[in-house]
Amino acid sequence: MVRPEDIQTYIARGLACEHCEVAGDGHHFEAVIVSPEFRGKNRVQQHQLVYRALGDRMREEIHALSMQTLTPEEWAAR
């Protein structure tokens, strides 16, 4: 069973993150991801970057991932 910490590691390995926080129960996960790579991209493009970082794990290990993607500026303004 995949753990939230595993998903956090997978994302951080494939995407430059200033902050990455993942919670979940082994089947359903929620993530807050802050990356400078999100600048100038819409939400769909940002989520595609995360999916790319997760690769085949998104189909094989992770069944549901809800995410909030933010640029460093959006994160700082919270």
N, C-alpha and C. Protein backbone atom coordinates (compact mmCIF):
# COMPACT_ATOMS: atom_id res chain seq x y z
N MET A 1 0.85 -1.18 0.00
CA MET A 1 0.00 0.00 0.00
C MET A 1 0.89 1.25 0.00
N VAL A 2 0.57 2.17 -0.85
CA VAL A 2 1.34 3.40 -0.95
C VAL A 2 0.97 4.33 0.22
N ARG A 3 1.97 4.99 0.74
CA ARG A 3 1.78 5.91 1.87
C ARG A 3 1.87 7.36 1.39
N PRO A 4 1.28 8.30 2.12
CA PRO A 4 1.40 9.71 1.74
C PRO A 4 2.85 10.15 1.58
N GLU A 5 3.73 9.64 2.44
CA GLU A 5 5.15 10.01 2.38
C GLU A 5 5.77 9.55 1.07
N ASP A 6 5.31 8.40 0.56
CA ASP A 6 5.83 7.89 -0.71
C ASP A 6 5.45 8.83 -1.85
N ILE A 7 4.19 9.24 -1.87
CA ILE A 7 3.72 10.14 -2.93
C ILE A 7 4.48 11.46 -2.85
N GLN A 8 4.67 11.96 -1.65
CA GLN A 8 5.43 13.20 -1.47
C GLN A 8 6.82 13.07 -2.05
N THR A 9 7.47 11.95 -1.80
CA THR A 9 8.81 11.70 -2.33
C THR A 9 8.79 11.62 -3.85
N TYR A 10 7.82 10.91 -4.42
CA TYR A 10 7.72 10.78 -5.87
C TYR A 10 7.57 12.15 -6.53
N ILE A 11 6.70 12.98 -5.96
CA ILE A 11 6.48 14.32 -6.53
C ILE A 11 7.75 15.15 -6.43
N ALA A 12 8.37 15.14 -5.26
CA ALA A 12 9.58 15.95 -5.05
C ALA A 12 10.74 15.52 -5.94
N ARG A 13 10.80 14.25 -6.29
CA ARG A 13 11.87 13.77 -7.18
C ARG A 13 11.67 14.22 -8.62
N GLY A 14 10.41 14.41 -9.02
CA GLY A 14 10.13 14.74 -10.41
C GLY A 14 9.75 16.17 -10.68
N LEU A 15 9.67 16.99 -9.62
CA LEU A 15 9.22 18.37 -9.77
C LEU A 15 9.92 19.22 -8.72
N ALA A 16 10.44 20.36 -9.14
CA ALA A 16 11.08 21.28 -8.18
C ALA A 16 10.00 21.85 -7.27
N CYS A 17 10.02 21.45 -6.01
CA CYS A 17 9.00 21.89 -5.05
C CYS A 17 9.61 22.73 -3.94
N GLU A 18 8.92 23.80 -3.60
CA GLU A 18 9.30 24.56 -2.41
C GLU A 18 8.54 24.05 -1.20
N HIS A 19 7.40 23.42 -1.47
CA HIS A 19 6.60 22.82 -0.39
C HIS A 19 5.78 21.70 -1.02
N CYS A 20 5.71 20.59 -0.34
CA CYS A 20 4.91 19.46 -0.81
C CYS A 20 4.39 18.73 0.42
N GLU A 21 3.09 18.69 0.54
CA GLU A 21 2.45 18.07 1.70
C GLU A 21 1.37 17.12 1.18
N VAL A 22 1.41 15.88 1.60
CA VAL A 22 0.45 14.88 1.14
C VAL A 22 -0.16 14.18 2.35
N ALA A 23 -1.47 14.02 2.33
CA ALA A 23 -2.18 13.29 3.38
C ALA A 23 -3.10 12.29 2.69
N GLY A 24 -3.43 11.23 3.39
CA GLY A 24 -4.34 10.26 2.81
C GLY A 24 -4.41 8.98 3.60
N ASP A 25 -5.29 8.09 3.12
CA ASP A 25 -5.58 6.85 3.83
C ASP A 25 -5.05 5.60 3.13
N GLY A 26 -4.22 5.77 2.12
CA GLY A 26 -3.71 4.63 1.38
C GLY A 26 -4.42 4.41 0.06
N HIS A 27 -5.59 5.01 -0.09
CA HIS A 27 -6.34 4.91 -1.34
C HIS A 27 -6.68 6.28 -1.91
N HIS A 28 -7.06 7.20 -1.04
CA HIS A 28 -7.41 8.56 -1.44
C HIS A 28 -6.43 9.52 -0.80
N PHE A 29 -5.91 10.43 -1.62
CA PHE A 29 -4.87 11.34 -1.14
C PHE A 29 -5.20 12.78 -1.50
N GLU A 30 -4.69 13.69 -0.68
CA GLU A 30 -4.80 15.13 -0.92
C GLU A 30 -3.40 15.70 -0.84
N ALA A 31 -3.08 16.59 -1.77
CA ALA A 31 -1.74 17.18 -1.81
C ALA A 31 -1.82 18.69 -1.97
N VAL A 32 -0.89 19.36 -1.31
CA VAL A 32 -0.64 20.79 -1.52
C VAL A 32 0.79 20.87 -2.05
N ILE A 33 0.93 21.40 -3.27
CA ILE A 33 2.24 21.42 -3.93
C ILE A 33 2.55 22.84 -4.36
N VAL A 34 3.72 23.32 -3.95
CA VAL A 34 4.18 24.66 -4.31
C VAL A 34 5.43 24.51 -5.16
N SER A 35 5.38 25.03 -6.38
CA SER A 35 6.53 24.89 -7.27
C SER A 35 6.68 26.12 -8.16
N PRO A 36 7.92 26.57 -8.37
CA PRO A 36 8.15 27.66 -9.31
C PRO A 36 7.84 27.23 -10.75
N GLU A 37 7.80 25.92 -11.00
CA GLU A 37 7.49 25.42 -12.33
C GLU A 37 6.03 25.67 -12.72
N PHE A 38 5.19 26.05 -11.76
CA PHE A 38 3.79 26.33 -12.04
C PHE A 38 3.57 27.74 -12.59
N ARG A 39 4.58 28.59 -12.48
CA ARG A 39 4.42 29.98 -12.95
C ARG A 39 4.05 30.00 -14.43
N GLY A 40 3.04 30.82 -14.76
CA GLY A 40 2.63 31.00 -16.15
C GLY A 40 1.82 29.85 -16.72
N LYS A 41 1.46 28.89 -15.88
CA LYS A 41 0.67 27.74 -16.35
C LYS A 41 -0.70 27.76 -15.70
N ASN A 42 -1.70 27.29 -16.45
CA ASN A 42 -3.02 27.20 -15.86
C ASN A 42 -3.10 25.94 -14.98
N ARG A 43 -4.20 25.76 -14.28
CA ARG A 43 -4.33 24.64 -13.32
C ARG A 43 -4.18 23.28 -14.02
N VAL A 44 -4.77 23.14 -15.19
CA VAL A 44 -4.65 21.86 -15.91
C VAL A 44 -3.18 21.57 -16.22
N GLN A 45 -2.46 22.55 -16.69
CA GLN A 45 -1.03 22.37 -17.00
C GLN A 45 -0.23 22.06 -15.73
N GLN A 46 -0.58 22.71 -14.63
CA GLN A 46 0.10 22.45 -13.37
C GLN A 46 -0.14 21.01 -12.92
N HIS A 47 -1.38 20.57 -13.02
CA HIS A 47 -1.69 19.19 -12.62
C HIS A 47 -1.00 18.20 -13.53
N GLN A 48 -0.89 18.52 -14.81
CA GLN A 48 -0.17 17.64 -15.74
C GLN A 48 1.30 17.49 -15.34
N LEU A 49 1.91 18.56 -14.84
CA LEU A 49 3.29 18.47 -14.36
C LEU A 49 3.39 17.49 -13.19
N VAL A 50 2.41 17.54 -12.29
CA VAL A 50 2.42 16.62 -11.15
C VAL A 50 2.21 15.19 -11.63
N TYR A 51 1.25 14.99 -12.54
CA TYR A 51 1.01 13.65 -13.08
C TYR A 51 2.26 13.11 -13.78
N ARG A 52 2.96 13.97 -14.48
CA ARG A 52 4.19 13.56 -15.15
C ARG A 52 5.23 13.13 -14.11
N ALA A 53 5.32 13.87 -13.00
CA ALA A 53 6.26 13.51 -11.94
C ALA A 53 5.91 12.15 -11.33
N LEU A 54 4.63 11.85 -11.25
CA LEU A 54 4.20 10.58 -10.67
C LEU A 54 4.29 9.43 -11.66
N GLY A 55 4.25 9.74 -12.93
CA GLY A 55 4.39 8.72 -13.97
C GLY A 55 3.34 7.62 -13.87
N ASP A 56 3.76 6.39 -14.10
CA ASP A 56 2.84 5.24 -14.09
C ASP A 56 2.24 4.96 -12.72
N ARG A 57 2.83 5.53 -11.69
CA ARG A 57 2.28 5.31 -10.34
C ARG A 57 0.85 5.82 -10.25
N MET A 58 0.53 6.85 -11.04
CA MET A 58 -0.81 7.42 -11.00
C MET A 58 -1.84 6.39 -11.45
N ARG A 59 -1.49 5.53 -12.36
CA ARG A 59 -2.42 4.49 -12.83
C ARG A 59 -2.34 3.23 -11.98
N GLU A 60 -1.16 2.92 -11.49
CA GLU A 60 -0.95 1.63 -10.84
C GLU A 60 -1.09 1.64 -9.33
N GLU A 61 -0.61 2.69 -8.67
CA GLU A 61 -0.58 2.70 -7.20
C GLU A 61 -1.55 3.69 -6.58
N ILE A 62 -1.75 4.81 -7.25
CA ILE A 62 -2.53 5.91 -6.67
C ILE A 62 -3.90 5.93 -7.35
N HIS A 63 -4.93 5.72 -6.58
CA HIS A 63 -6.27 5.61 -7.16
C HIS A 63 -6.99 6.95 -7.19
N ALA A 64 -6.72 7.81 -6.24
CA ALA A 64 -7.38 9.12 -6.21
C ALA A 64 -6.44 10.15 -5.58
N LEU A 65 -6.20 11.21 -6.29
CA LEU A 65 -5.34 12.29 -5.79
C LEU A 65 -6.00 13.62 -6.09
N SER A 66 -6.35 14.32 -5.04
CA SER A 66 -6.86 15.67 -5.19
C SER A 66 -5.69 16.59 -4.82
N MET A 67 -5.49 17.63 -5.62
CA MET A 67 -4.33 18.47 -5.35
C MET A 67 -4.64 19.94 -5.48
N GLN A 68 -3.92 20.70 -4.69
CA GLN A 68 -3.93 22.15 -4.78
C GLN A 68 -2.52 22.53 -5.21
N THR A 69 -2.42 23.16 -6.37
CA THR A 69 -1.12 23.56 -6.89
C THR A 69 -1.00 25.08 -6.82
N LEU A 70 0.15 25.53 -6.34
CA LEU A 70 0.37 26.96 -6.12
C LEU A 70 1.78 27.35 -6.55
N THR A 71 1.90 28.57 -7.05
CA THR A 71 3.23 29.13 -7.27
C THR A 71 3.76 29.60 -5.92
N PRO A 72 5.06 29.84 -5.79
CA PRO A 72 5.58 30.36 -4.52
C PRO A 72 4.91 31.68 -4.12
N GLU A 73 4.58 32.50 -5.10
CA GLU A 73 3.94 33.79 -4.80
C GLU A 73 2.52 33.57 -4.24
N GLU A 74 1.79 32.64 -4.83
CA GLU A 74 0.44 32.33 -4.33
C GLU A 74 0.52 31.74 -2.92
N TRP A 75 1.51 30.91 -2.68
CA TRP A 75 1.70 30.30 -1.36
C TRP A 75 2.03 31.37 -0.32
N ALA A 76 2.89 32.31 -0.67
CA ALA A 76 3.29 33.37 0.27
C ALA A 76 2.13 34.31 0.60
N ALA A 77 1.20 34.47 -0.34
CA ALA A 77 0.08 35.38 -0.15
C ALA A 77 -1.04 34.78 0.70
N ARG A 78 -0.94 33.51 1.03
CA ARG A 78 -1.99 32.83 1.82
C ARG A 78 -2.01 33.28 3.24
